[in-house]
Amino acid sequence: MRLLVLEDDASLGPWTEKGLREAGHVVDLFTDGKDALVAAMGQDYDVLVLDRMVPGLDGLSVLKALRQAKVTAPAIFLTALGEVDDRVAGLRAGGDDYLVKPFAFSELLARIEVLARRVGTPEDRSSIVTAGDITIDLHKRSCTRQGRPIDLNPKEFLLLEVFLQSKGRVQTRTMLLERVWDMNFDPTTSVVETHISRLRRKIEKPFGDTVIRNIRGTGYVFEPV
Protein backbone atom coordinates (compact mmCIF):
# COMPACT_ATOMS: atom_id res chain seq x y z
CA MET A 1 0.00 0.00 0.00
CA ARG A 2 0.99 3.62 -0.41
CA LEU A 3 0.69 5.42 2.91
CA LEU A 4 0.89 9.07 3.91
CA VAL A 5 2.28 9.72 7.39
CA LEU A 6 2.02 13.19 8.95
CA GLU A 7 4.25 13.29 12.04
CA ASP A 8 6.61 16.08 13.10
CA ASP A 9 8.38 14.26 15.93
CA ALA A 10 12.01 13.92 14.81
CA SER A 11 12.32 10.42 16.28
CA LEU A 12 8.82 8.98 15.97
CA GLY A 13 8.27 10.00 12.35
CA PRO A 14 11.31 8.23 10.86
CA TRP A 15 10.77 5.25 13.20
CA THR A 16 7.17 4.85 12.01
CA GLU A 17 8.20 5.31 8.38
CA LYS A 18 10.94 2.69 8.72
CA GLY A 19 8.59 0.15 10.31
CA LEU A 20 5.93 0.60 7.63
CA ARG A 21 8.50 0.30 4.84
CA GLU A 22 9.85 -2.90 6.40
CA ALA A 23 6.26 -4.20 6.39
CA GLY A 24 6.29 -3.78 2.62
CA HIS A 25 4.51 -0.45 2.20
CA VAL A 26 5.46 2.68 0.26
CA VAL A 27 5.53 5.59 2.69
CA ASP A 28 5.56 9.36 2.19
CA LEU A 29 6.48 11.09 5.46
CA PHE A 30 5.57 14.73 6.08
CA THR A 31 6.31 16.96 9.05
CA ASP A 32 4.18 19.93 7.96
CA GLY A 33 0.40 19.80 7.55
CA LYS A 34 0.33 22.07 4.49
CA ASP A 35 2.79 19.83 2.65
CA ALA A 36 0.78 16.74 3.56
CA LEU A 37 -2.43 18.36 2.31
CA VAL A 38 -0.88 19.22 -1.05
CA ALA A 39 0.46 15.68 -1.43
CA ALA A 40 -2.84 14.03 -0.51
CA MET A 41 -4.73 16.22 -2.97
CA GLY A 42 -2.49 15.16 -5.84
CA GLN A 43 -1.66 11.54 -4.98
CA ASP A 44 -3.85 8.51 -4.33
CA TYR A 45 -3.05 7.03 -0.92
CA ASP A 46 -4.44 3.83 0.52
CA VAL A 47 -4.38 5.07 4.14
CA LEU A 48 -3.56 8.40 5.81
CA VAL A 49 -1.82 8.37 9.23
CA LEU A 50 -2.20 11.81 10.79
CA ASP A 51 -0.84 13.48 13.91
CA ARG A 52 -3.08 16.18 15.36
CA MET A 53 -0.45 18.70 16.47
CA VAL A 54 1.92 19.55 13.61
CA PRO A 55 3.31 22.77 12.07
CA GLY A 56 1.68 24.54 9.16
CA LEU A 57 -1.78 23.03 9.42
CA ASP A 58 -2.94 20.69 12.17
CA GLY A 59 -3.96 17.14 11.28
CA LEU A 60 -7.63 17.79 12.01
CA SER A 61 -7.73 20.69 9.55
CA VAL A 62 -5.84 18.66 6.96
CA LEU A 63 -8.44 15.90 7.05
CA LYS A 64 -11.38 18.33 7.02
CA ALA A 65 -9.95 19.96 3.88
CA LEU A 66 -9.43 16.59 2.22
CA ARG A 67 -12.96 15.43 2.97
CA GLN A 68 -14.35 18.69 1.59
CA ALA A 69 -12.33 18.01 -1.57
CA LYS A 70 -13.92 14.52 -1.80
CA VAL A 71 -10.69 12.69 -0.95
CA THR A 72 -11.97 9.43 0.54
CA ALA A 73 -8.78 7.63 1.58
CA PRO A 74 -9.29 6.11 5.06
CA ALA A 75 -7.52 8.02 7.83
CA ILE A 76 -6.27 7.13 11.28
CA PHE A 77 -5.25 9.77 13.80
CA LEU A 78 -2.06 8.96 15.69
CA THR A 79 -1.82 11.52 18.47
CA ALA A 80 -1.20 12.28 22.13
CA LEU A 81 -4.62 13.95 22.37
CA GLY A 82 -6.58 11.09 23.87
CA GLU A 83 -9.55 12.57 25.69
CA VAL A 84 -13.04 11.54 24.63
CA ASP A 85 -13.71 14.97 23.13
CA ASP A 86 -10.48 14.69 21.11
CA ARG A 87 -11.49 11.31 19.72
CA VAL A 88 -14.96 12.55 18.84
CA ALA A 89 -13.52 15.60 17.08
CA GLY A 90 -11.23 13.36 15.05
CA LEU A 91 -14.01 11.04 13.96
CA ARG A 92 -16.34 13.91 13.13
CA ALA A 93 -13.62 15.50 10.99
CA GLY A 94 -13.71 12.41 8.80
CA GLY A 95 -11.32 10.10 10.62
CA ASP A 96 -11.90 6.35 10.47
CA ASP A 97 -9.83 5.37 13.50
CA TYR A 98 -7.97 6.96 16.41
CA LEU A 99 -4.86 5.62 18.15
CA VAL A 100 -3.38 7.40 21.16
CA LYS A 101 0.34 7.72 21.82
CA PRO A 102 2.29 5.91 23.15
CA PHE A 103 1.31 2.97 20.98
CA ALA A 104 2.54 -0.46 19.91
CA PHE A 105 3.70 -0.50 16.30
CA SER A 106 2.04 -3.88 15.74
CA GLU A 107 -1.30 -2.33 16.68
CA LEU A 108 -0.80 0.58 14.29
CA LEU A 109 0.05 -1.83 11.48
CA ALA A 110 -3.01 -3.98 12.23
CA ARG A 111 -5.31 -0.94 12.27
CA ILE A 112 -3.94 0.27 8.93
CA GLU A 113 -4.57 -3.16 7.41
CA VAL A 114 -8.11 -3.21 8.78
CA LEU A 115 -8.86 0.23 7.32
CA ALA A 116 -7.56 -0.86 3.93
CA ARG A 117 -9.78 -3.94 3.98
CA ARG A 118 -12.85 -1.88 4.84
CA VAL A 119 -12.47 0.14 1.65
CA GLY A 120 -12.29 -2.99 -0.47
CA THR A 121 -10.12 -5.90 -1.44
CA PRO A 122 -6.92 -5.14 -3.36
CA GLU A 123 -8.42 -6.61 -6.50
CA ASP A 124 -11.40 -4.27 -6.59
CA ARG A 125 -9.69 -1.21 -5.14
CA SER A 126 -6.15 -0.19 -5.88
CA SER A 127 -4.18 -3.20 -7.04
CA ILE A 128 -4.37 -2.24 -10.71
CA VAL A 129 -3.03 1.12 -11.88
CA THR A 130 -3.38 2.06 -15.54
CA ALA A 131 -2.21 5.09 -17.49
CA GLY A 132 -2.59 5.08 -21.24
CA ASP A 133 -1.67 1.60 -22.46
CA ILE A 134 0.58 0.81 -19.47
CA THR A 135 -0.80 -1.23 -16.57
CA ILE A 136 0.86 -2.28 -13.32
CA ASP A 137 -0.41 -4.61 -10.59
CA LEU A 138 0.81 -3.32 -7.23
CA HIS A 139 0.32 -6.64 -5.48
CA LYS A 140 1.70 -8.97 -8.12
CA ARG A 141 4.43 -6.38 -8.92
CA SER A 142 3.83 -6.97 -12.62
CA CYS A 143 3.75 -4.63 -15.60
CA THR A 144 2.27 -4.81 -19.09
CA ARG A 145 2.11 -2.46 -22.04
CA GLN A 146 -0.41 -3.09 -24.78
CA GLY A 147 -0.94 -6.43 -23.08
CA ARG A 148 2.72 -7.40 -23.40
CA PRO A 149 4.50 -8.29 -20.13
CA ILE A 150 7.51 -6.15 -19.21
CA ASP A 151 10.08 -7.45 -16.74
CA LEU A 152 11.09 -4.73 -14.26
CA ASN A 153 13.44 -4.92 -11.29
CA PRO A 154 12.07 -3.61 -7.94
CA LYS A 155 13.41 -0.06 -8.30
CA GLU A 156 12.27 0.22 -11.92
CA PHE A 157 8.80 -0.92 -10.86
CA LEU A 158 8.62 1.60 -8.01
CA LEU A 159 9.87 4.34 -10.32
CA LEU A 160 7.17 3.51 -12.87
CA GLU A 161 4.56 3.38 -10.10
CA VAL A 162 5.50 6.92 -9.05
CA PHE A 163 5.20 8.11 -12.66
CA LEU A 164 1.82 6.40 -13.22
CA GLN A 165 0.35 7.85 -10.06
CA SER A 166 1.63 11.36 -10.82
CA LYS A 167 1.02 11.43 -14.58
CA GLY A 168 1.23 14.87 -16.09
CA ARG A 169 3.02 16.31 -13.03
CA VAL A 170 6.74 17.03 -13.02
CA GLN A 171 8.81 14.84 -10.72
CA THR A 172 12.13 16.44 -9.81
CA ARG A 173 15.29 14.42 -9.30
CA THR A 174 15.14 15.17 -5.58
CA MET A 175 11.54 13.98 -5.35
CA LEU A 176 12.42 10.71 -7.09
CA LEU A 177 15.44 10.15 -4.84
CA GLU A 178 13.25 10.59 -1.76
CA ARG A 179 10.30 8.50 -2.98
CA VAL A 180 12.10 5.63 -4.72
CA TRP A 181 15.44 5.40 -2.93
CA ASP A 182 14.56 7.06 0.40
CA MET A 183 17.57 9.36 -0.05
CA ASN A 184 18.08 13.06 0.57
CA PHE A 185 19.53 15.06 -2.30
CA ASP A 186 22.97 13.87 -3.37
CA PRO A 187 24.46 15.92 -6.23
CA THR A 188 27.01 13.21 -7.02
CA THR A 189 24.69 10.26 -7.62
CA SER A 190 23.45 9.31 -11.06
CA VAL A 191 21.10 6.58 -9.81
CA VAL A 192 17.97 8.42 -11.02
CA GLU A 193 19.28 8.96 -14.53
CA THR A 194 20.59 5.40 -14.77
CA HIS A 195 17.30 3.78 -13.72
CA ILE A 196 15.18 6.06 -15.90
CA SER A 197 17.36 5.18 -18.88
CA ARG A 198 16.89 1.46 -18.18
CA LEU A 199 13.15 1.91 -17.64
CA ARG A 200 12.77 3.78 -20.93
CA ARG A 201 14.59 1.02 -22.81
CA LYS A 202 11.95 -1.41 -21.53
CA ILE A 203 8.71 0.59 -21.80
CA GLU A 204 9.51 2.95 -24.72
CA LYS A 205 12.06 1.49 -27.13
CA PRO A 206 10.08 -1.66 -28.11
CA PHE A 207 7.03 0.52 -28.80
CA GLY A 208 8.75 3.33 -30.70
CA ASP A 209 7.49 6.25 -28.64
CA THR A 210 8.22 8.43 -25.61
CA VAL A 211 6.16 8.46 -22.40
CA ILE A 212 8.78 9.81 -19.96
CA ARG A 213 9.84 13.30 -21.01
CA ASN A 214 12.90 15.07 -19.65
CA ILE A 215 12.18 18.64 -18.53
CA ARG A 216 15.59 20.28 -18.82
CA GLY A 217 16.84 21.65 -15.51
CA THR A 218 13.69 20.52 -13.68
CA GLY A 219 13.01 16.79 -13.79
CA TYR A 220 10.75 14.35 -15.61
CA VAL A 221 7.08 14.13 -16.52
CA PHE A 222 5.13 10.99 -17.45
CA GLU A 223 2.78 11.54 -20.39
CA PRO A 224 1.01 8.27 -21.31
CA VAL A 225 0.03 7.66 -24.89
C-alpha atoms as a PDB file:
ATOM      1  CA  MET A   1       0.000   0.000   0.000  1.00  0.00           C
ATOM      2  CA  ARG A   2       0.989   3.615  -0.411  1.00  0.00           C
ATOM      3  CA  LEU A   3       0.689   5.421   2.906  1.00  0.00           C
ATOM      4  CA  LEU A   4       0.892   9.072   3.909  1.00  0.00           C
ATOM      5  CA  VAL A   5       2.278   9.724   7.386  1.00  0.00           C
ATOM      6  CA  LEU A   6       2.017  13.190   8.949  1.00  0.00           C
ATOM      7  CA  GLU A   7       4.250  13.285  12.037  1.00  0.00           C
ATOM      8  CA  ASP A   8       6.608  16.078  13.099  1.00  0.00           C
ATOM      9  CA  ASP A   9       8.384  14.263  15.931  1.00  0.00           C
ATOM     10  CA  ALA A  10      12.012  13.920  14.814  1.00  0.00           C
ATOM     11  CA  SER A  11      12.317  10.415  16.276  1.00  0.00           C
ATOM     12  CA  LEU A  12       8.820   8.979  15.973  1.00  0.00           C
ATOM     13  CA  GLY A  13       8.267  10.003  12.354  1.00  0.00           C
ATOM     14  CA  PRO A  14      11.310   8.227  10.858  1.00  0.00           C
ATOM     15  CA  TRP A  15      10.772   5.247  13.200  1.00  0.00           C
ATOM     16  CA  THR A  16       7.174   4.852  12.013  1.00  0.00           C
ATOM     17  CA  GLU A  17       8.200   5.309   8.379  1.00  0.00           C
ATOM     18  CA  LYS A  18      10.943   2.690   8.718  1.00  0.00           C
ATOM     19  CA  GLY A  19       8.586   0.150  10.309  1.00  0.00           C
ATOM     20  CA  LEU A  20       5.933   0.602   7.634  1.00  0.00           C
ATOM     21  CA  ARG A  21       8.501   0.298   4.844  1.00  0.00           C
ATOM     22  CA  GLU A  22       9.846  -2.900   6.397  1.00  0.00           C
ATOM     23  CA  ALA A  23       6.264  -4.200   6.394  1.00  0.00           C
ATOM     24  CA  GLY A  24       6.287  -3.783   2.615  1.00  0.00           C
ATOM     25  CA  HIS A  25       4.512  -0.454   2.198  1.00  0.00           C
ATOM     26  CA  VAL A  26       5.459   2.678   0.260  1.00  0.00           C
ATOM     27  CA  VAL A  27       5.533   5.594   2.687  1.00  0.00           C
ATOM     28  CA  ASP A  28       5.559   9.365   2.189  1.00  0.00           C
ATOM     29  CA  LEU A  29       6.484  11.085   5.464  1.00  0.00           C
ATOM     30  CA  PHE A  30       5.571  14.730   6.079  1.00  0.00           C
ATOM     31  CA  THR A  31       6.309  16.961   9.052  1.00  0.00           C
ATOM     32  CA  ASP A  32       4.179  19.928   7.956  1.00  0.00           C
ATOM     33  CA  GLY A  33       0.401  19.804   7.553  1.00  0.00           C
ATOM     34  CA  LYS A  34       0.329  22.066   4.494  1.00  0.00           C
ATOM     35  CA  ASP A  35       2.794  19.827   2.654  1.00  0.00           C
ATOM     36  CA  ALA A  36       0.777  16.737   3.561  1.00  0.00           C
ATOM     37  CA  LEU A  37      -2.434  18.361   2.312  1.00  0.00           C
ATOM     38  CA  VAL A  38      -0.884  19.224  -1.053  1.00  0.00           C
ATOM     39  CA  ALA A  39       0.459  15.678  -1.430  1.00  0.00           C
ATOM     40  CA  ALA A  40      -2.837  14.029  -0.514  1.00  0.00           C
ATOM     41  CA  MET A  41      -4.730  16.224  -2.970  1.00  0.00           C
ATOM     42  CA  GLY A  42      -2.489  15.157  -5.841  1.00  0.00           C
ATOM     43  CA  GLN A  43      -1.658  11.535  -4.985  1.00  0.00           C
ATOM     44  CA  ASP A  44      -3.854   8.510  -4.334  1.00  0.00           C
ATOM     45  CA  TYR A  45      -3.048   7.031  -0.922  1.00  0.00           C
ATOM     46  CA  ASP A  46      -4.443   3.825   0.518  1.00  0.00           C
ATOM     47  CA  VAL A  47      -4.385   5.071   4.136  1.00  0.00           C
ATOM     48  CA  LEU A  48      -3.557   8.398   5.810  1.00  0.00           C
ATOM     49  CA  VAL A  49      -1.823   8.369   9.225  1.00  0.00           C
ATOM     50  CA  LEU A  50      -2.199  11.810  10.788  1.00  0.00           C
ATOM     51  CA  ASP A  51      -0.842  13.478  13.908  1.00  0.00           C
ATOM     52  CA  ARG A  52      -3.077  16.182  15.361  1.00  0.00           C
ATOM     53  CA  MET A  53      -0.450  18.700  16.473  1.00  0.00           C
ATOM     54  CA  VAL A  54       1.924  19.545  13.613  1.00  0.00           C
ATOM     55  CA  PRO A  55       3.314  22.767  12.072  1.00  0.00           C
ATOM     56  CA  GLY A  56       1.682  24.536   9.158  1.00  0.00           C
ATOM     57  CA  LEU A  57      -1.781  23.028   9.421  1.00  0.00           C
ATOM     58  CA  ASP A  58      -2.944  20.691  12.170  1.00  0.00           C
ATOM     59  CA  GLY A  59      -3.963  17.142  11.276  1.00  0.00           C
ATOM     60  CA  LEU A  60      -7.626  17.791  12.013  1.00  0.00           C
ATOM     61  CA  SER A  61      -7.726  20.688   9.550  1.00  0.00           C
ATOM     62  CA  VAL A  62      -5.842  18.662   6.958  1.00  0.00           C
ATOM     63  CA  LEU A  63      -8.442  15.904   7.047  1.00  0.00           C
ATOM     64  CA  LYS A  64     -11.379  18.325   7.015  1.00  0.00           C
ATOM     65  CA  ALA A  65      -9.951  19.964   3.884  1.00  0.00           C
ATOM     66  CA  LEU A  66      -9.429  16.587   2.221  1.00  0.00           C
ATOM     67  CA  ARG A  67     -12.955  15.430   2.968  1.00  0.00           C
ATOM     68  CA  GLN A  68     -14.349  18.691   1.585  1.00  0.00           C
ATOM     69  CA  ALA A  69     -12.329  18.008  -1.568  1.00  0.00           C
ATOM     70  CA  LYS A  70     -13.916  14.522  -1.799  1.00  0.00           C
ATOM     71  CA  VAL A  71     -10.686  12.685  -0.947  1.00  0.00           C
ATOM     72  CA  THR A  72     -11.975   9.431   0.540  1.00  0.00           C
ATOM     73  CA  ALA A  73      -8.777   7.631   1.578  1.00  0.00           C
ATOM     74  CA  PRO A  74      -9.292   6.115   5.061  1.00  0.00           C
ATOM     75  CA  ALA A  75      -7.522   8.021   7.833  1.00  0.00           C
ATOM     76  CA  ILE A  76      -6.266   7.134  11.282  1.00  0.00           C
ATOM     77  CA  PHE A  77      -5.253   9.775  13.796  1.00  0.00           C
ATOM     78  CA  LEU A  78      -2.057   8.958  15.691  1.00  0.00           C
ATOM     79  CA  THR A  79      -1.820  11.525  18.473  1.00  0.00           C
ATOM     80  CA  ALA A  80      -1.198  12.280  22.127  1.00  0.00           C
ATOM     81  CA  LEU A  81      -4.624  13.946  22.366  1.00  0.00           C
ATOM     82  CA  GLY A  82      -6.576  11.091  23.868  1.00  0.00           C
ATOM     83  CA  GLU A  83      -9.546  12.567  25.695  1.00  0.00           C
ATOM     84  CA  VAL A  84     -13.043  11.541  24.631  1.00  0.00           C
ATOM     85  CA  ASP A  85     -13.714  14.974  23.134  1.00  0.00           C
ATOM     86  CA  ASP A  86     -10.481  14.692  21.108  1.00  0.00           C
ATOM     87  CA  ARG A  87     -11.492  11.306  19.719  1.00  0.00           C
ATOM     88  CA  VAL A  88     -14.961  12.550  18.845  1.00  0.00           C
ATOM     89  CA  ALA A  89     -13.522  15.598  17.075  1.00  0.00           C
ATOM     90  CA  GLY A  90     -11.227  13.358  15.045  1.00  0.00           C
ATOM     91  CA  LEU A  91     -14.008  11.039  13.964  1.00  0.00           C
ATOM     92  CA  ARG A  92     -16.344  13.909  13.125  1.00  0.00           C
ATOM     93  CA  ALA A  93     -13.620  15.498  10.992  1.00  0.00           C
ATOM     94  CA  GLY A  94     -13.709  12.406   8.801  1.00  0.00           C
ATOM     95  CA  GLY A  95     -11.321  10.097  10.617  1.00  0.00           C
ATOM     96  CA  ASP A  96     -11.897   6.345  10.469  1.00  0.00           C
ATOM     97  CA  ASP A  97      -9.826   5.373  13.499  1.00  0.00           C
ATOM     98  CA  TYR A  98      -7.973   6.955  16.409  1.00  0.00           C
ATOM     99  CA  LEU A  99      -4.856   5.623  18.148  1.00  0.00           C
ATOM    100  CA  VAL A 100      -3.384   7.397  21.164  1.00  0.00           C
ATOM    101  CA  LYS A 101       0.338   7.721  21.822  1.00  0.00           C
ATOM    102  CA  PRO A 102       2.292   5.914  23.146  1.00  0.00           C
ATOM    103  CA  PHE A 103       1.308   2.968  20.981  1.00  0.00           C
ATOM    104  CA  ALA A 104       2.540  -0.455  19.909  1.00  0.00           C
ATOM    105  CA  PHE A 105       3.700  -0.500  16.296  1.00  0.00           C
ATOM    106  CA  SER A 106       2.037  -3.884  15.743  1.00  0.00           C
ATOM    107  CA  GLU A 107      -1.303  -2.329  16.682  1.00  0.00           C
ATOM    108  CA  LEU A 108      -0.803   0.580  14.286  1.00  0.00           C
ATOM    109  CA  LEU A 109       0.050  -1.829  11.477  1.00  0.00           C
ATOM    110  CA  ALA A 110      -3.007  -3.982  12.229  1.00  0.00           C
ATOM    111  CA  ARG A 111      -5.307  -0.944  12.270  1.00  0.00           C
ATOM    112  CA  ILE A 112      -3.938   0.272   8.931  1.00  0.00           C
ATOM    113  CA  GLU A 113      -4.567  -3.162   7.408  1.00  0.00           C
ATOM    114  CA  VAL A 114      -8.109  -3.207   8.780  1.00  0.00           C
ATOM    115  CA  LEU A 115      -8.859   0.234   7.323  1.00  0.00           C
ATOM    116  CA  ALA A 116      -7.558  -0.857   3.925  1.00  0.00           C
ATOM    117  CA  ARG A 117      -9.780  -3.944   3.978  1.00  0.00           C
ATOM    118  CA  ARG A 118     -12.848  -1.880   4.844  1.00  0.00           C
ATOM    119  CA  VAL A 119     -12.465   0.137   1.654  1.00  0.00           C
ATOM    120  CA  GLY A 120     -12.295  -2.989  -0.467  1.00  0.00           C
ATOM    121  CA  THR A 121     -10.117  -5.896  -1.441  1.00  0.00           C
ATOM    122  CA  PRO A 122      -6.916  -5.138  -3.365  1.00  0.00           C
ATOM    123  CA  GLU A 123      -8.424  -6.611  -6.503  1.00  0.00           C
ATOM    124  CA  ASP A 124     -11.402  -4.275  -6.590  1.00  0.00           C
ATOM    125  CA  ARG A 125      -9.690  -1.206  -5.139  1.00  0.00           C
ATOM    126  CA  SER A 126      -6.150  -0.187  -5.883  1.00  0.00           C
ATOM    127  CA  SER A 127      -4.184  -3.204  -7.039  1.00  0.00           C
ATOM    128  CA  ILE A 128      -4.374  -2.243 -10.713  1.00  0.00           C
ATOM    129  CA  VAL A 129      -3.029   1.120 -11.876  1.00  0.00           C
ATOM    130  CA  THR A 130      -3.382   2.060 -15.536  1.00  0.00           C
ATOM    131  CA  ALA A 131      -2.214   5.093 -17.487  1.00  0.00           C
ATOM    132  CA  GLY A 132      -2.587   5.077 -21.239  1.00  0.00           C
ATOM    133  CA  ASP A 133      -1.666   1.597 -22.456  1.00  0.00           C
ATOM    134  CA  ILE A 134       0.582   0.808 -19.467  1.00  0.00           C
ATOM    135  CA  THR A 135      -0.798  -1.229 -16.565  1.00  0.00           C
ATOM    136  CA  ILE A 136       0.857  -2.278 -13.319  1.00  0.00           C
ATOM    137  CA  ASP A 137      -0.408  -4.608 -10.592  1.00  0.00           C
ATOM    138  CA  LEU A 138       0.808  -3.317  -7.227  1.00  0.00           C
ATOM    139  CA  HIS A 139       0.319  -6.643  -5.477  1.00  0.00           C
ATOM    140  CA  LYS A 140       1.704  -8.971  -8.121  1.00  0.00           C
ATOM    141  CA  ARG A 141       4.435  -6.382  -8.923  1.00  0.00           C
ATOM    142  CA  SER A 142       3.834  -6.971 -12.620  1.00  0.00           C
ATOM    143  CA  CYS A 143       3.748  -4.625 -15.603  1.00  0.00           C
ATOM    144  CA  THR A 144       2.273  -4.812 -19.092  1.00  0.00           C
ATOM    145  CA  ARG A 145       2.108  -2.461 -22.036  1.00  0.00           C
ATOM    146  CA  GLN A 146      -0.411  -3.087 -24.784  1.00  0.00           C
ATOM    147  CA  GLY A 147      -0.944  -6.430 -23.082  1.00  0.00           C
ATOM    148  CA  ARG A 148       2.724  -7.401 -23.403  1.00  0.00           C
ATOM    149  CA  PRO A 149       4.500  -8.291 -20.134  1.00  0.00           C
ATOM    150  CA  ILE A 150       7.510  -6.153 -19.207  1.00  0.00           C
ATOM    151  CA  ASP A 151      10.081  -7.454 -16.736  1.00  0.00           C
ATOM    152  CA  LEU A 152      11.093  -4.731 -14.262  1.00  0.00           C
ATOM    153  CA  ASN A 153      13.436  -4.917 -11.292  1.00  0.00           C
ATOM    154  CA  PRO A 154      12.066  -3.610  -7.937  1.00  0.00           C
ATOM    155  CA  LYS A 155      13.411  -0.058  -8.304  1.00  0.00           C
ATOM    156  CA  GLU A 156      12.270   0.223 -11.917  1.00  0.00           C
ATOM    157  CA  PHE A 157       8.802  -0.921 -10.863  1.00  0.00           C
ATOM    158  CA  LEU A 158       8.617   1.595  -8.014  1.00  0.00           C
ATOM    159  CA  LEU A 159       9.871   4.344 -10.318  1.00  0.00           C
ATOM    160  CA  LEU A 160       7.172   3.508 -12.868  1.00  0.00           C
ATOM    161  CA  GLU A 161       4.561   3.384 -10.098  1.00  0.00           C
ATOM    162  CA  VAL A 162       5.502   6.916  -9.047  1.00  0.00           C
ATOM    163  CA  PHE A 163       5.196   8.113 -12.659  1.00  0.00           C
ATOM    164  CA  LEU A 164       1.823   6.396 -13.223  1.00  0.00           C
ATOM    165  CA  GLN A 165       0.345   7.853 -10.059  1.00  0.00           C
ATOM    166  CA  SER A 166       1.626  11.357 -10.823  1.00  0.00           C
ATOM    167  CA  LYS A 167       1.019  11.426 -14.581  1.00  0.00           C
ATOM    168  CA  GLY A 168       1.227  14.865 -16.092  1.00  0.00           C
ATOM    169  CA  ARG A 169       3.017  16.307 -13.029  1.00  0.00           C
ATOM    170  CA  VAL A 170       6.739  17.028 -13.025  1.00  0.00           C
ATOM    171  CA  GLN A 171       8.814  14.841 -10.719  1.00  0.00           C
ATOM    172  CA  THR A 172      12.130  16.440  -9.813  1.00  0.00           C
ATOM    173  CA  ARG A 173      15.293  14.424  -9.299  1.00  0.00           C
ATOM    174  CA  THR A 174      15.141  15.170  -5.578  1.00  0.00           C
ATOM    175  CA  MET A 175      11.535  13.977  -5.353  1.00  0.00           C
ATOM    176  CA  LEU A 176      12.416  10.714  -7.087  1.00  0.00           C
ATOM    177  CA  LEU A 177      15.436  10.150  -4.839  1.00  0.00           C
ATOM    178  CA  GLU A 178      13.245  10.585  -1.761  1.00  0.00           C
ATOM    179  CA  ARG A 179      10.302   8.502  -2.976  1.00  0.00           C
ATOM    180  CA  VAL A 180      12.099   5.633  -4.715  1.00  0.00           C
ATOM    181  CA  TRP A 181      15.443   5.405  -2.934  1.00  0.00           C
ATOM    182  CA  ASP A 182      14.560   7.061   0.402  1.00  0.00           C
ATOM    183  CA  MET A 183      17.569   9.361  -0.048  1.00  0.00           C
ATOM    184  CA  ASN A 184      18.083  13.062   0.569  1.00  0.00           C
ATOM    185  CA  PHE A 185      19.526  15.055  -2.300  1.00  0.00           C
ATOM    186  CA  ASP A 186      22.971  13.873  -3.369  1.00  0.00           C
ATOM    187  CA  PRO A 187      24.462  15.924  -6.228  1.00  0.00           C
ATOM    188  CA  THR A 188      27.010  13.207  -7.022  1.00  0.00           C
ATOM    189  CA  THR A 189      24.691  10.262  -7.616  1.00  0.00           C
ATOM    190  CA  SER A 190      23.447   9.310 -11.064  1.00  0.00           C
ATOM    191  CA  VAL A 191      21.101   6.585  -9.811  1.00  0.00           C
ATOM    192  CA  VAL A 192      17.970   8.415 -11.025  1.00  0.00           C
ATOM    193  CA  GLU A 193      19.279   8.964 -14.528  1.00  0.00           C
ATOM    194  CA  THR A 194      20.590   5.397 -14.772  1.00  0.00           C
ATOM    195  CA  HIS A 195      17.301   3.782 -13.723  1.00  0.00           C
ATOM    196  CA  ILE A 196      15.176   6.064 -15.899  1.00  0.00           C
ATOM    197  CA  SER A 197      17.365   5.176 -18.881  1.00  0.00           C
ATOM    198  CA  ARG A 198      16.885   1.461 -18.175  1.00  0.00           C
ATOM    199  CA  LEU A 199      13.150   1.915 -17.639  1.00  0.00           C
ATOM    200  CA  ARG A 200      12.774   3.783 -20.931  1.00  0.00           C
ATOM    201  CA  ARG A 201      14.589   1.017 -22.809  1.00  0.00           C
ATOM    202  CA  LYS A 202      11.947  -1.408 -21.534  1.00  0.00           C
ATOM    203  CA  ILE A 203       8.714   0.593 -21.801  1.00  0.00           C
ATOM    204  CA  GLU A 204       9.513   2.950 -24.720  1.00  0.00           C
ATOM    205  CA  LYS A 205      12.062   1.489 -27.130  1.00  0.00           C
ATOM    206  CA  PRO A 206      10.081  -1.655 -28.106  1.00  0.00           C
ATOM    207  CA  PHE A 207       7.027   0.522 -28.798  1.00  0.00           C
ATOM    208  CA  GLY A 208       8.749   3.328 -30.698  1.00  0.00           C
ATOM    209  CA  ASP A 209       7.491   6.248 -28.645  1.00  0.00           C
ATOM    210  CA  THR A 210       8.220   8.432 -25.614  1.00  0.00           C
ATOM    211  CA  VAL A 211       6.164   8.457 -22.401  1.00  0.00           C
ATOM    212  CA  ILE A 212       8.777   9.809 -19.956  1.00  0.00           C
ATOM    213  CA  ARG A 213       9.845  13.299 -21.005  1.00  0.00           C
ATOM    214  CA  ASN A 214      12.902  15.069 -19.650  1.00  0.00           C
ATOM    215  CA  ILE A 215      12.180  18.639 -18.530  1.00  0.00           C
ATOM    216  CA  ARG A 216      15.588  20.279 -18.816  1.00  0.00           C
ATOM    217  CA  GLY A 217      16.840  21.649 -15.514  1.00  0.00           C
ATOM    218  CA  THR A 218      13.693  20.515 -13.681  1.00  0.00           C
ATOM    219  CA  GLY A 219      13.015  16.791 -13.790  1.00  0.00           C
ATOM    220  CA  TYR A 220      10.745  14.350 -15.606  1.00  0.00           C
ATOM    221  CA  VAL A 221       7.083  14.126 -16.522  1.00  0.00           C
ATOM    222  CA  PHE A 222       5.133  10.993 -17.449  1.00  0.00           C
ATOM    223  CA  GLU A 223       2.784  11.539 -20.388  1.00  0.00           C
ATOM    224  CA  PRO A 224       1.005   8.272 -21.309  1.00  0.00           C
ATOM    225  CA  VAL A 225       0.027   7.658 -24.892  1.00  0.00           C
END
